Amino acid sequence: MSWTEILGFVTGALCVWLVARQHVANWPIGIANNVFFIVLFVRSGLYADAGLQIVFVALAAFGWWTWTHGGGPGSAQALPVRRTTRTEWAALGAAGAAGVLGLTLLLSRVTDSTVPFWDALTTGLSLMATYGQCRKLLESWWLWIAADLVYIPLYAYKGLYLTSALYAGFLALCVVGLLGWRRTMPADGARTTTAGATA
């Protein structure tokens, strides 16, 4: 256990708690968390996860802007929680599958990773979930739950026991976040109107 892992633990737990509460401060805290995990994962040979953190920094900047602008320039309203449309699911699924396949091949051929598929799978799921989080898509929590169910044993296998425990905590927070976001969704009529406008 290192100070990098401890700091990653603290900032990660705080970030997910803030996301569940729909607090915009989750984005800068999340960026700090990404920096700690870049260092930790490179040291542990989890190269896809390390690279993923760099992408997360860019997505955090996008999410920060989206949450504070309501999804468009000049908007004074907060971005509402909504369900993922069929078109979005199709695009996310196709991009996720292609990404997992490509990363698995890349990690198998050009790195010394001992877990190329699992590293790629968690990366793909996490990217899909982060995009959904940026857009406040309710189902992004289900993607995080799926990713955490793989992350927990993967990090334990790599000897990152504190990080594995952190992701067990993330799993619980994801359930809290899912229920919390669901409660803040617009009524059925408003949701139908929103979905029609975004499909």
N, C-alpha and C. Protein backbone atom coordinates (compact mmCIF):
# COMPACT_ATOMS: atom_id res chain seq x y z
N MET A 1 0.84 -1.19 0.00
CA MET A 1 0.00 0.00 0.00
C MET A 1 0.89 1.25 0.00
N SER A 2 0.57 2.20 -0.86
CA SER A 2 1.38 3.40 -0.99
C SER A 2 0.52 4.63 -0.73
N TRP A 3 1.19 5.80 -0.59
CA TRP A 3 0.45 7.05 -0.43
C TRP A 3 -0.38 7.35 -1.67
N THR A 4 0.12 6.95 -2.83
CA THR A 4 -0.64 7.16 -4.07
C THR A 4 -1.96 6.41 -4.02
N GLU A 5 -1.90 5.16 -3.55
CA GLU A 5 -3.13 4.36 -3.45
C GLU A 5 -4.08 4.94 -2.41
N ILE A 6 -3.53 5.41 -1.28
CA ILE A 6 -4.37 6.00 -0.23
C ILE A 6 -5.07 7.26 -0.73
N LEU A 7 -4.30 8.13 -1.41
CA LEU A 7 -4.89 9.36 -1.94
C LEU A 7 -5.92 9.06 -3.03
N GLY A 8 -5.64 8.03 -3.83
CA GLY A 8 -6.62 7.60 -4.82
C GLY A 8 -7.90 7.12 -4.17
N PHE A 9 -7.74 6.39 -3.05
CA PHE A 9 -8.89 5.90 -2.29
C PHE A 9 -9.76 7.05 -1.80
N VAL A 10 -9.13 8.04 -1.16
CA VAL A 10 -9.87 9.15 -0.57
C VAL A 10 -10.57 9.99 -1.63
N THR A 11 -9.84 10.39 -2.66
CA THR A 11 -10.45 11.24 -3.70
C THR A 11 -11.50 10.47 -4.50
N GLY A 12 -11.27 9.17 -4.70
CA GLY A 12 -12.24 8.36 -5.44
C GLY A 12 -13.55 8.23 -4.69
N ALA A 13 -13.47 7.93 -3.40
CA ALA A 13 -14.68 7.79 -2.59
C ALA A 13 -15.46 9.10 -2.55
N LEU A 14 -14.74 10.21 -2.36
CA LEU A 14 -15.39 11.52 -2.31
C LEU A 14 -16.04 11.86 -3.64
N CYS A 15 -15.37 11.54 -4.73
CA CYS A 15 -15.90 11.84 -6.07
C CYS A 15 -17.22 11.11 -6.31
N VAL A 16 -17.26 9.80 -6.05
CA VAL A 16 -18.49 9.03 -6.31
C VAL A 16 -19.62 9.51 -5.40
N TRP A 17 -19.31 9.85 -4.15
CA TRP A 17 -20.33 10.36 -3.24
C TRP A 17 -20.92 11.66 -3.78
N LEU A 18 -20.07 12.52 -4.33
CA LEU A 18 -20.54 13.79 -4.89
C LEU A 18 -21.36 13.58 -6.16
N VAL A 19 -20.97 12.58 -6.99
CA VAL A 19 -21.75 12.28 -8.19
C VAL A 19 -23.15 11.83 -7.79
N ALA A 20 -23.22 10.95 -6.79
CA ALA A 20 -24.52 10.44 -6.34
C ALA A 20 -25.42 11.58 -5.88
N ARG A 21 -24.81 12.65 -5.32
CA ARG A 21 -25.57 13.80 -4.86
C ARG A 21 -25.74 14.86 -5.96
N GLN A 22 -25.27 14.55 -7.18
CA GLN A 22 -25.33 15.46 -8.32
C GLN A 22 -24.65 16.80 -8.01
N HIS A 23 -23.54 16.74 -7.28
CA HIS A 23 -22.78 17.95 -6.93
C HIS A 23 -21.67 18.16 -7.94
N VAL A 24 -21.59 19.35 -8.51
CA VAL A 24 -20.64 19.63 -9.58
C VAL A 24 -19.18 19.50 -9.14
N ALA A 25 -18.92 19.58 -7.84
CA ALA A 25 -17.54 19.46 -7.35
C ALA A 25 -16.96 18.08 -7.59
N ASN A 26 -17.81 17.11 -7.99
CA ASN A 26 -17.28 15.77 -8.30
C ASN A 26 -16.25 15.83 -9.42
N TRP A 27 -16.37 16.78 -10.33
CA TRP A 27 -15.49 16.82 -11.50
C TRP A 27 -14.05 17.20 -11.14
N PRO A 28 -13.79 18.30 -10.42
CA PRO A 28 -12.39 18.59 -10.05
C PRO A 28 -11.81 17.54 -9.11
N ILE A 29 -12.62 17.01 -8.19
CA ILE A 29 -12.13 15.96 -7.30
C ILE A 29 -11.80 14.72 -8.12
N GLY A 30 -12.62 14.44 -9.11
CA GLY A 30 -12.38 13.29 -9.98
C GLY A 30 -11.10 13.42 -10.78
N ILE A 31 -10.79 14.63 -11.23
CA ILE A 31 -9.54 14.86 -11.98
C ILE A 31 -8.34 14.57 -11.09
N ALA A 32 -8.38 15.02 -9.84
CA ALA A 32 -7.30 14.71 -8.90
C ALA A 32 -7.17 13.20 -8.71
N ASN A 33 -8.29 12.52 -8.60
CA ASN A 33 -8.30 11.06 -8.47
C ASN A 33 -7.65 10.40 -9.67
N ASN A 34 -7.94 10.90 -10.86
CA ASN A 34 -7.36 10.34 -12.09
C ASN A 34 -5.85 10.43 -12.08
N VAL A 35 -5.31 11.55 -11.63
CA VAL A 35 -3.86 11.74 -11.59
C VAL A 35 -3.21 10.72 -10.66
N PHE A 36 -3.80 10.51 -9.49
CA PHE A 36 -3.24 9.52 -8.55
C PHE A 36 -3.27 8.12 -9.16
N PHE A 37 -4.35 7.79 -9.85
CA PHE A 37 -4.48 6.45 -10.40
C PHE A 37 -3.60 6.23 -11.64
N ILE A 38 -3.28 7.29 -12.37
CA ILE A 38 -2.34 7.12 -13.48
C ILE A 38 -1.02 6.56 -12.95
N VAL A 39 -0.53 7.17 -11.89
CA VAL A 39 0.73 6.74 -11.30
C VAL A 39 0.61 5.31 -10.76
N LEU A 40 -0.47 5.04 -10.03
CA LEU A 40 -0.66 3.73 -9.40
C LEU A 40 -0.76 2.61 -10.44
N PHE A 41 -1.52 2.83 -11.49
CA PHE A 41 -1.76 1.77 -12.46
C PHE A 41 -0.54 1.51 -13.34
N VAL A 42 0.22 2.54 -13.67
CA VAL A 42 1.44 2.32 -14.43
C VAL A 42 2.40 1.44 -13.63
N ARG A 43 2.51 1.72 -12.34
CA ARG A 43 3.38 0.93 -11.47
C ARG A 43 2.90 -0.52 -11.37
N SER A 44 1.59 -0.75 -11.54
CA SER A 44 1.02 -2.08 -11.37
C SER A 44 0.85 -2.84 -12.68
N GLY A 45 1.24 -2.23 -13.79
CA GLY A 45 1.13 -2.90 -15.09
C GLY A 45 -0.28 -2.93 -15.66
N LEU A 46 -1.17 -2.10 -15.14
CA LEU A 46 -2.53 -2.00 -15.66
C LEU A 46 -2.56 -0.82 -16.64
N TYR A 47 -2.01 -1.06 -17.82
CA TYR A 47 -1.75 0.04 -18.76
C TYR A 47 -3.02 0.64 -19.35
N ALA A 48 -4.00 -0.21 -19.64
CA ALA A 48 -5.25 0.32 -20.17
C ALA A 48 -5.95 1.19 -19.13
N ASP A 49 -5.93 0.74 -17.88
CA ASP A 49 -6.53 1.54 -16.82
C ASP A 49 -5.78 2.85 -16.62
N ALA A 50 -4.46 2.83 -16.78
CA ALA A 50 -3.68 4.08 -16.68
C ALA A 50 -4.06 5.03 -17.80
N GLY A 51 -4.11 4.51 -19.03
CA GLY A 51 -4.50 5.34 -20.15
C GLY A 51 -5.93 5.85 -20.02
N LEU A 52 -6.78 5.01 -19.42
CA LEU A 52 -8.17 5.38 -19.21
C LEU A 52 -8.28 6.64 -18.35
N GLN A 53 -7.40 6.76 -17.38
CA GLN A 53 -7.45 7.92 -16.50
C GLN A 53 -7.20 9.22 -17.27
N ILE A 54 -6.35 9.16 -18.30
CA ILE A 54 -6.10 10.35 -19.12
C ILE A 54 -7.37 10.74 -19.87
N VAL A 55 -8.05 9.73 -20.40
CA VAL A 55 -9.32 9.99 -21.08
C VAL A 55 -10.34 10.55 -20.10
N PHE A 56 -10.32 10.02 -18.87
CA PHE A 56 -11.25 10.49 -17.84
C PHE A 56 -11.06 11.99 -17.55
N VAL A 57 -9.81 12.45 -17.59
CA VAL A 57 -9.56 13.88 -17.35
C VAL A 57 -10.27 14.72 -18.43
N ALA A 58 -10.16 14.28 -19.68
CA ALA A 58 -10.82 15.00 -20.77
C ALA A 58 -12.34 14.93 -20.62
N LEU A 59 -12.86 13.74 -20.27
CA LEU A 59 -14.30 13.59 -20.09
C LEU A 59 -14.79 14.39 -18.89
N ALA A 60 -13.95 14.50 -17.85
CA ALA A 60 -14.33 15.30 -16.68
C ALA A 60 -14.51 16.77 -17.06
N ALA A 61 -13.61 17.27 -17.92
CA ALA A 61 -13.74 18.65 -18.38
C ALA A 61 -15.05 18.83 -19.15
N PHE A 62 -15.37 17.84 -20.00
CA PHE A 62 -16.62 17.87 -20.76
C PHE A 62 -17.83 17.79 -19.82
N GLY A 63 -17.78 16.87 -18.85
CA GLY A 63 -18.88 16.71 -17.91
C GLY A 63 -19.09 17.95 -17.05
N TRP A 64 -17.98 18.54 -16.61
CA TRP A 64 -18.03 19.75 -15.79
C TRP A 64 -18.75 20.86 -16.56
N TRP A 65 -18.37 21.04 -17.82
CA TRP A 65 -19.00 22.06 -18.66
C TRP A 65 -20.48 21.73 -18.88
N THR A 66 -20.78 20.48 -19.17
CA THR A 66 -22.15 20.08 -19.46
C THR A 66 -23.06 20.27 -18.26
N TRP A 67 -22.58 19.87 -17.08
CA TRP A 67 -23.40 20.01 -15.88
C TRP A 67 -23.65 21.47 -15.53
N THR A 68 -22.70 22.34 -15.80
CA THR A 68 -22.85 23.75 -15.43
C THR A 68 -23.56 24.58 -16.50
N HIS A 69 -23.70 24.03 -17.70
CA HIS A 69 -24.37 24.76 -18.78
C HIS A 69 -25.69 24.11 -19.20
N GLY A 70 -26.12 23.07 -18.50
CA GLY A 70 -27.40 22.45 -18.82
C GLY A 70 -27.41 21.77 -20.17
N GLY A 71 -26.22 21.44 -20.69
CA GLY A 71 -26.16 20.74 -21.96
C GLY A 71 -26.08 21.63 -23.17
N GLY A 72 -26.04 22.93 -22.97
CA GLY A 72 -25.95 23.83 -24.10
C GLY A 72 -25.48 25.21 -23.68
N PRO A 73 -24.84 25.96 -24.58
CA PRO A 73 -24.35 27.29 -24.23
C PRO A 73 -25.48 28.24 -23.91
N GLY A 74 -25.30 29.01 -22.86
CA GLY A 74 -26.29 30.01 -22.49
C GLY A 74 -27.46 29.47 -21.69
N SER A 75 -27.48 28.16 -21.42
CA SER A 75 -28.59 27.58 -20.68
C SER A 75 -28.43 27.86 -19.19
N ALA A 76 -29.51 28.29 -18.55
CA ALA A 76 -29.46 28.60 -17.12
C ALA A 76 -29.93 27.43 -16.27
N GLN A 77 -30.50 26.41 -16.89
CA GLN A 77 -31.05 25.28 -16.16
C GLN A 77 -30.01 24.19 -15.96
N ALA A 78 -30.14 23.50 -14.83
CA ALA A 78 -29.26 22.36 -14.57
C ALA A 78 -29.63 21.22 -15.51
N LEU A 79 -28.65 20.44 -15.88
CA LEU A 79 -28.89 19.29 -16.76
C LEU A 79 -29.74 18.26 -16.02
N PRO A 80 -30.88 17.85 -16.60
CA PRO A 80 -31.74 16.89 -15.90
C PRO A 80 -31.30 15.44 -16.10
N VAL A 81 -31.64 14.59 -15.16
CA VAL A 81 -31.41 13.16 -15.31
C VAL A 81 -32.43 12.62 -16.31
N ARG A 82 -32.00 11.74 -17.20
CA ARG A 82 -32.93 11.12 -18.16
C ARG A 82 -32.47 9.71 -18.48
N ARG A 83 -33.33 8.98 -19.17
CA ARG A 83 -33.00 7.62 -19.56
C ARG A 83 -32.23 7.62 -20.88
N THR A 84 -31.46 6.57 -21.09
CA THR A 84 -30.69 6.41 -22.32
C THR A 84 -31.62 5.99 -23.45
N THR A 85 -31.52 6.65 -24.60
CA THR A 85 -32.36 6.29 -25.74
C THR A 85 -31.82 5.03 -26.43
N ARG A 86 -32.65 4.42 -27.25
CA ARG A 86 -32.22 3.24 -28.00
C ARG A 86 -31.04 3.56 -28.92
N THR A 87 -31.08 4.74 -29.52
CA THR A 87 -29.98 5.14 -30.40
C THR A 87 -28.68 5.26 -29.63
N GLU A 88 -28.76 5.85 -28.43
CA GLU A 88 -27.57 5.99 -27.59
C GLU A 88 -27.04 4.63 -27.15
N TRP A 89 -27.95 3.71 -26.78
CA TRP A 89 -27.51 2.37 -26.39
C TRP A 89 -26.80 1.67 -27.54
N ALA A 90 -27.35 1.80 -28.74
CA ALA A 90 -26.73 1.15 -29.91
C ALA A 90 -25.33 1.71 -30.15
N ALA A 91 -25.20 3.03 -30.09
CA ALA A 91 -23.90 3.66 -30.31
C ALA A 91 -22.91 3.29 -29.21
N LEU A 92 -23.36 3.33 -27.95
CA LEU A 92 -22.49 2.97 -26.84
C LEU A 92 -22.06 1.51 -26.91
N GLY A 93 -23.00 0.63 -27.24
CA GLY A 93 -22.68 -0.79 -27.33
C GLY A 93 -21.67 -1.08 -28.42
N ALA A 94 -21.88 -0.48 -29.58
CA ALA A 94 -20.95 -0.70 -30.70
C ALA A 94 -19.56 -0.15 -30.38
N ALA A 95 -19.52 1.06 -29.84
CA ALA A 95 -18.23 1.67 -29.50
C ALA A 95 -17.54 0.88 -28.40
N GLY A 96 -18.31 0.44 -27.40
CA GLY A 96 -17.73 -0.33 -26.30
C GLY A 96 -17.16 -1.66 -26.75
N ALA A 97 -17.90 -2.39 -27.58
CA ALA A 97 -17.43 -3.69 -28.06
C ALA A 97 -16.17 -3.53 -28.91
N ALA A 98 -16.17 -2.54 -29.79
CA ALA A 98 -14.99 -2.29 -30.63
C ALA A 98 -13.79 -1.90 -29.78
N GLY A 99 -14.04 -1.07 -28.77
CA GLY A 99 -12.96 -0.64 -27.90
C GLY A 99 -12.35 -1.78 -27.11
N VAL A 100 -13.21 -2.66 -26.56
CA VAL A 100 -12.72 -3.80 -25.77
C VAL A 100 -11.90 -4.73 -26.65
N LEU A 101 -12.40 -5.02 -27.85
CA LEU A 101 -11.67 -5.90 -28.77
C LEU A 101 -10.32 -5.31 -29.14
N GLY A 102 -10.33 -4.03 -29.53
CA GLY A 102 -9.08 -3.39 -29.93
C GLY A 102 -8.07 -3.30 -28.81
N LEU A 103 -8.53 -2.95 -27.63
CA LEU A 103 -7.62 -2.84 -26.48
C LEU A 103 -7.07 -4.20 -26.07
N THR A 104 -7.90 -5.23 -26.13
CA THR A 104 -7.43 -6.57 -25.77
C THR A 104 -6.29 -7.00 -26.68
N LEU A 105 -6.47 -6.78 -27.98
CA LEU A 105 -5.42 -7.13 -28.95
C LEU A 105 -4.16 -6.30 -28.72
N LEU A 106 -4.34 -5.00 -28.48
CA LEU A 106 -3.20 -4.11 -28.26
C LEU A 106 -2.42 -4.51 -27.01
N LEU A 107 -3.12 -4.72 -25.91
CA LEU A 107 -2.46 -5.08 -24.66
C LEU A 107 -1.78 -6.44 -24.74
N SER A 108 -2.39 -7.36 -25.49
CA SER A 108 -1.80 -8.70 -25.63
C SER A 108 -0.51 -8.67 -26.43
N ARG A 109 -0.43 -7.77 -27.39
CA ARG A 109 0.69 -7.78 -28.33
C ARG A 109 1.83 -6.82 -27.99
N VAL A 110 1.51 -5.70 -27.34
CA VAL A 110 2.57 -4.70 -27.15
C VAL A 110 2.88 -4.38 -25.69
N THR A 111 2.23 -5.07 -24.74
CA THR A 111 2.54 -4.84 -23.33
C THR A 111 2.78 -6.18 -22.64
N ASP A 112 3.22 -6.11 -21.39
CA ASP A 112 3.41 -7.33 -20.60
C ASP A 112 2.22 -7.57 -19.67
N SER A 113 1.05 -7.01 -20.00
CA SER A 113 -0.13 -7.18 -19.18
C SER A 113 -0.47 -8.66 -19.01
N THR A 114 -0.79 -9.05 -17.78
CA THR A 114 -1.20 -10.43 -17.51
C THR A 114 -2.72 -10.58 -17.54
N VAL A 115 -3.43 -9.49 -17.72
CA VAL A 115 -4.90 -9.52 -17.73
C VAL A 115 -5.44 -8.64 -18.86
N PRO A 116 -5.03 -8.86 -20.10
CA PRO A 116 -5.41 -7.93 -21.17
C PRO A 116 -6.91 -7.80 -21.39
N PHE A 117 -7.62 -8.92 -21.40
CA PHE A 117 -9.07 -8.82 -21.65
C PHE A 117 -9.78 -8.10 -20.52
N TRP A 118 -9.49 -8.46 -19.28
CA TRP A 118 -10.17 -7.86 -18.15
C TRP A 118 -9.83 -6.37 -18.01
N ASP A 119 -8.59 -6.02 -18.30
CA ASP A 119 -8.17 -4.62 -18.30
C ASP A 119 -8.94 -3.86 -19.37
N ALA A 120 -9.07 -4.46 -20.55
CA ALA A 120 -9.80 -3.82 -21.65
C ALA A 120 -11.30 -3.73 -21.35
N LEU A 121 -11.86 -4.78 -20.75
CA LEU A 121 -13.29 -4.79 -20.46
C LEU A 121 -13.66 -3.69 -19.47
N THR A 122 -12.89 -3.56 -18.40
CA THR A 122 -13.19 -2.51 -17.42
C THR A 122 -13.01 -1.13 -18.03
N THR A 123 -12.03 -1.01 -18.92
CA THR A 123 -11.82 0.27 -19.60
C THR A 123 -13.02 0.63 -20.46
N GLY A 124 -13.50 -0.34 -21.25
CA GLY A 124 -14.66 -0.09 -22.11
C GLY A 124 -15.91 0.27 -21.32
N LEU A 125 -16.19 -0.51 -20.27
CA LEU A 125 -17.36 -0.23 -19.44
C LEU A 125 -17.26 1.14 -18.77
N SER A 126 -16.06 1.47 -18.30
CA SER A 126 -15.88 2.74 -17.59
C SER A 126 -16.05 3.94 -18.52
N LEU A 127 -15.57 3.81 -19.75
CA LEU A 127 -15.74 4.90 -20.70
C LEU A 127 -17.21 5.10 -21.05
N MET A 128 -17.93 4.00 -21.26
CA MET A 128 -19.36 4.08 -21.54
C MET A 128 -20.09 4.73 -20.37
N ALA A 129 -19.74 4.31 -19.15
CA ALA A 129 -20.39 4.84 -17.96
C ALA A 129 -20.08 6.32 -17.76
N THR A 130 -18.84 6.71 -18.03
CA THR A 130 -18.46 8.11 -17.84
C THR A 130 -19.18 9.01 -18.84
N TYR A 131 -19.31 8.56 -20.08
CA TYR A 131 -20.08 9.34 -21.05
C TYR A 131 -21.51 9.52 -20.55
N GLY A 132 -22.10 8.43 -20.07
CA GLY A 132 -23.46 8.51 -19.55
C GLY A 132 -23.56 9.45 -18.35
N GLN A 133 -22.55 9.42 -17.50
CA GLN A 133 -22.52 10.31 -16.33
C GLN A 133 -22.45 11.77 -16.78
N CYS A 134 -21.65 12.04 -17.80
CA CYS A 134 -21.54 13.41 -18.33
C CYS A 134 -22.89 13.93 -18.81
N ARG A 135 -23.69 13.03 -19.40
CA ARG A 135 -25.00 13.43 -19.93
C ARG A 135 -26.13 13.20 -18.94
N LYS A 136 -25.79 12.75 -17.72
CA LYS A 136 -26.77 12.40 -16.68
C LYS A 136 -27.78 11.37 -17.18
N LEU A 137 -27.27 10.31 -17.78
CA LEU A 137 -28.10 9.19 -18.20
C LEU A 137 -28.22 8.23 -17.02
N LEU A 138 -29.44 7.91 -16.63
CA LEU A 138 -29.69 7.08 -15.46
C LEU A 138 -28.93 5.75 -15.54
N GLU A 139 -28.93 5.14 -16.73
CA GLU A 139 -28.34 3.80 -16.87
C GLU A 139 -26.83 3.79 -16.77
N SER A 140 -26.21 4.97 -16.71
CA SER A 140 -24.76 4.99 -16.51
C SER A 140 -24.38 4.30 -15.20
N TRP A 141 -25.29 4.34 -14.22
CA TRP A 141 -25.01 3.66 -12.95
C TRP A 141 -24.95 2.15 -13.12
N TRP A 142 -25.77 1.58 -14.01
CA TRP A 142 -25.72 0.14 -14.25
C TRP A 142 -24.40 -0.25 -14.90
N LEU A 143 -23.89 0.61 -15.78
CA LEU A 143 -22.58 0.35 -16.39
C LEU A 143 -21.48 0.41 -15.35
N TRP A 144 -21.55 1.38 -14.42
CA TRP A 144 -20.56 1.45 -13.35
C TRP A 144 -20.63 0.21 -12.46
N ILE A 145 -21.85 -0.25 -12.17
CA ILE A 145 -22.01 -1.45 -11.34
C ILE A 145 -21.35 -2.65 -12.02
N ALA A 146 -21.58 -2.81 -13.33
CA ALA A 146 -20.97 -3.92 -14.07
C ALA A 146 -19.44 -3.82 -14.03
N ALA A 147 -18.92 -2.59 -14.23
CA ALA A 147 -17.47 -2.40 -14.19
C ALA A 147 -16.90 -2.72 -12.81
N ASP A 148 -17.58 -2.27 -11.76
CA ASP A 148 -17.08 -2.50 -10.40
C ASP A 148 -17.05 -3.98 -10.05
N LEU A 149 -18.01 -4.74 -10.56
CA LEU A 149 -18.04 -6.18 -10.29
C LEU A 149 -16.84 -6.90 -10.90
N VAL A 150 -16.23 -6.29 -11.91
CA VAL A 150 -14.99 -6.85 -12.49
C VAL A 150 -13.78 -6.24 -11.79
N TYR A 151 -13.84 -4.94 -11.52
CA TYR A 151 -12.70 -4.26 -10.90
C TYR A 151 -12.32 -4.86 -9.54
N ILE A 152 -13.30 -5.20 -8.72
CA ILE A 152 -13.03 -5.65 -7.35
C ILE A 152 -12.10 -6.87 -7.34
N PRO A 153 -12.43 -7.96 -8.04
CA PRO A 153 -11.50 -9.10 -8.04
C PRO A 153 -10.22 -8.83 -8.84
N LEU A 154 -10.31 -7.99 -9.88
CA LEU A 154 -9.12 -7.70 -10.69
C LEU A 154 -8.05 -7.00 -9.86
N TYR A 155 -8.44 -5.99 -9.09
CA TYR A 155 -7.46 -5.28 -8.28
C TYR A 155 -6.94 -6.14 -7.14
N ALA A 156 -7.78 -7.00 -6.58
CA ALA A 156 -7.31 -7.92 -5.55
C ALA A 156 -6.28 -8.88 -6.13
N TYR A 157 -6.52 -9.35 -7.35
CA TYR A 157 -5.58 -10.25 -8.02
C TYR A 157 -4.23 -9.57 -8.24
N LYS A 158 -4.26 -8.27 -8.49
CA LYS A 158 -3.03 -7.50 -8.72
C LYS A 158 -2.39 -7.02 -7.42
N GLY A 159 -2.97 -7.39 -6.28
CA GLY A 159 -2.40 -7.01 -5.00
C GLY A 159 -2.76 -5.62 -4.54
N LEU A 160 -3.68 -4.96 -5.23
CA LEU A 160 -4.12 -3.61 -4.86
C LEU A 160 -5.35 -3.73 -3.96
N TYR A 161 -5.12 -4.18 -2.74
CA TYR A 161 -6.23 -4.53 -1.86
C TYR A 161 -7.03 -3.31 -1.41
N LEU A 162 -6.36 -2.19 -1.15
CA LEU A 162 -7.08 -0.99 -0.75
C LEU A 162 -7.95 -0.49 -1.91
N THR A 163 -7.39 -0.54 -3.11
CA THR A 163 -8.16 -0.12 -4.28
C THR A 163 -9.33 -1.06 -4.53
N SER A 164 -9.13 -2.36 -4.31
CA SER A 164 -10.22 -3.32 -4.42
C SER A 164 -11.32 -3.00 -3.42
N ALA A 165 -10.94 -2.66 -2.19
CA ALA A 165 -11.92 -2.27 -1.18
C ALA A 165 -12.63 -0.99 -1.57
N LEU A 166 -11.88 -0.05 -2.16
CA LEU A 166 -12.47 1.20 -2.62
C LEU A 166 -13.58 0.91 -3.64
N TYR A 167 -13.31 0.00 -4.56
CA TYR A 167 -14.30 -0.31 -5.59
C TYR A 167 -15.49 -1.07 -5.04
N ALA A 168 -15.30 -1.80 -3.94
CA ALA A 168 -16.45 -2.39 -3.26
C ALA A 168 -17.33 -1.28 -2.68
N GLY A 169 -16.66 -0.24 -2.15
CA GLY A 169 -17.41 0.93 -1.68
C GLY A 169 -18.09 1.65 -2.83
N PHE A 170 -17.39 1.75 -3.97
CA PHE A 170 -17.98 2.35 -5.16
C PHE A 170 -19.26 1.62 -5.55
N LEU A 171 -19.21 0.29 -5.47
CA LEU A 171 -20.37 -0.52 -5.85
C LEU A 171 -21.59 -0.14 -5.01
N ALA A 172 -21.38 0.01 -3.70
CA ALA A 172 -22.48 0.42 -2.82
C ALA A 172 -22.95 1.83 -3.17
N LEU A 173 -22.01 2.74 -3.43
CA LEU A 173 -22.37 4.11 -3.78
C LEU A 173 -23.11 4.18 -5.11
N CYS A 174 -22.78 3.27 -6.02
CA CYS A 174 -23.47 3.23 -7.31
C CYS A 174 -24.95 2.90 -7.11
N VAL A 175 -25.25 1.99 -6.20
CA VAL A 175 -26.64 1.66 -5.91
C VAL A 175 -27.35 2.89 -5.33
N VAL A 176 -26.67 3.59 -4.41
CA VAL A 176 -27.23 4.82 -3.83
C VAL A 176 -27.45 5.86 -4.93
N GLY A 177 -26.46 6.02 -5.80
CA GLY A 177 -26.56 6.98 -6.89
C GLY A 177 -27.71 6.65 -7.84
N LEU A 178 -27.84 5.37 -8.19
CA LEU A 178 -28.91 4.93 -9.08
C LEU A 178 -30.28 5.28 -8.50
N LEU A 179 -30.47 4.97 -7.23
CA LEU A 179 -31.75 5.26 -6.58
C LEU A 179 -31.99 6.76 -6.45
N GLY A 180 -30.91 7.50 -6.12
CA GLY A 180 -31.04 8.94 -5.97
C GLY A 180 -31.37 9.63 -7.29
N TRP A 181 -30.66 9.25 -8.35
CA TRP A 181 -30.93 9.86 -9.66
C TRP A 181 -32.33 9.51 -10.14
N ARG A 182 -32.76 8.28 -9.87
CA ARG A 182 -34.10 7.87 -10.31
C ARG A 182 -35.17 8.73 -9.65
N ARG A 183 -34.97 9.08 -8.38
CA ARG A 183 -35.95 9.91 -7.66
C ARG A 183 -36.03 11.33 -8.22
N THR A 184 -34.93 11.81 -8.82
CA THR A 184 -34.92 13.19 -9.32
C THR A 184 -35.33 13.30 -10.78
N MET A 185 -35.67 12.16 -11.41
CA MET A 185 -36.07 12.21 -12.81
C MET A 185 -37.40 12.93 -12.95
N PRO A 186 -37.62 13.60 -14.11
CA PRO A 186 -38.91 14.26 -14.34
C PRO A 186 -40.05 13.25 -14.34
N ALA A 187 -41.27 13.76 -14.22
CA ALA A 187 -42.44 12.90 -14.30
C ALA A 187 -42.51 12.25 -15.68
N ASP A 188 -43.32 11.20 -15.81
CA ASP A 188 -43.39 10.43 -17.05
C ASP A 188 -43.63 11.27 -18.28
N GLY A 189 -44.54 12.24 -18.18
CA GLY A 189 -44.85 13.06 -19.34
C GLY A 189 -43.67 13.90 -19.77
N ALA A 190 -43.00 14.50 -18.80
CA ALA A 190 -41.83 15.32 -19.10
C ALA A 190 -40.70 14.48 -19.64
N ARG A 191 -40.57 13.23 -19.08
CA ARG A 191 -39.50 12.35 -19.52
C ARG A 191 -39.72 11.93 -20.97
N THR A 192 -41.01 11.66 -21.32
CA THR A 192 -41.33 11.25 -22.68
C THR A 192 -40.99 12.38 -23.65
N THR A 193 -41.33 13.62 -23.28
CA THR A 193 -41.02 14.77 -24.12
C THR A 193 -39.53 14.93 -24.33
N THR A 194 -38.77 14.78 -23.22
CA THR A 194 -37.31 14.91 -23.30
C THR A 194 -36.69 13.84 -24.18
N ALA A 195 -37.17 12.58 -23.98
CA ALA A 195 -36.63 11.48 -24.78
C ALA A 195 -36.92 11.68 -26.25
N GLY A 196 -38.14 12.20 -26.56
CA GLY A 196 -38.47 12.42 -27.95
C GLY A 196 -37.58 13.47 -28.57
N ALA A 197 -37.22 14.45 -27.78
CA ALA A 197 -36.38 15.55 -28.29
C ALA A 197 -34.95 15.12 -28.48
N THR A 198 -34.50 14.06 -27.75
CA THR A 198 -33.10 13.68 -27.80
C THR A 198 -32.86 12.41 -28.61
N ALA A 199 -33.92 11.71 -28.99
CA ALA A 199 -33.73 10.45 -29.73
C ALA A 199 -33.21 10.69 -31.12
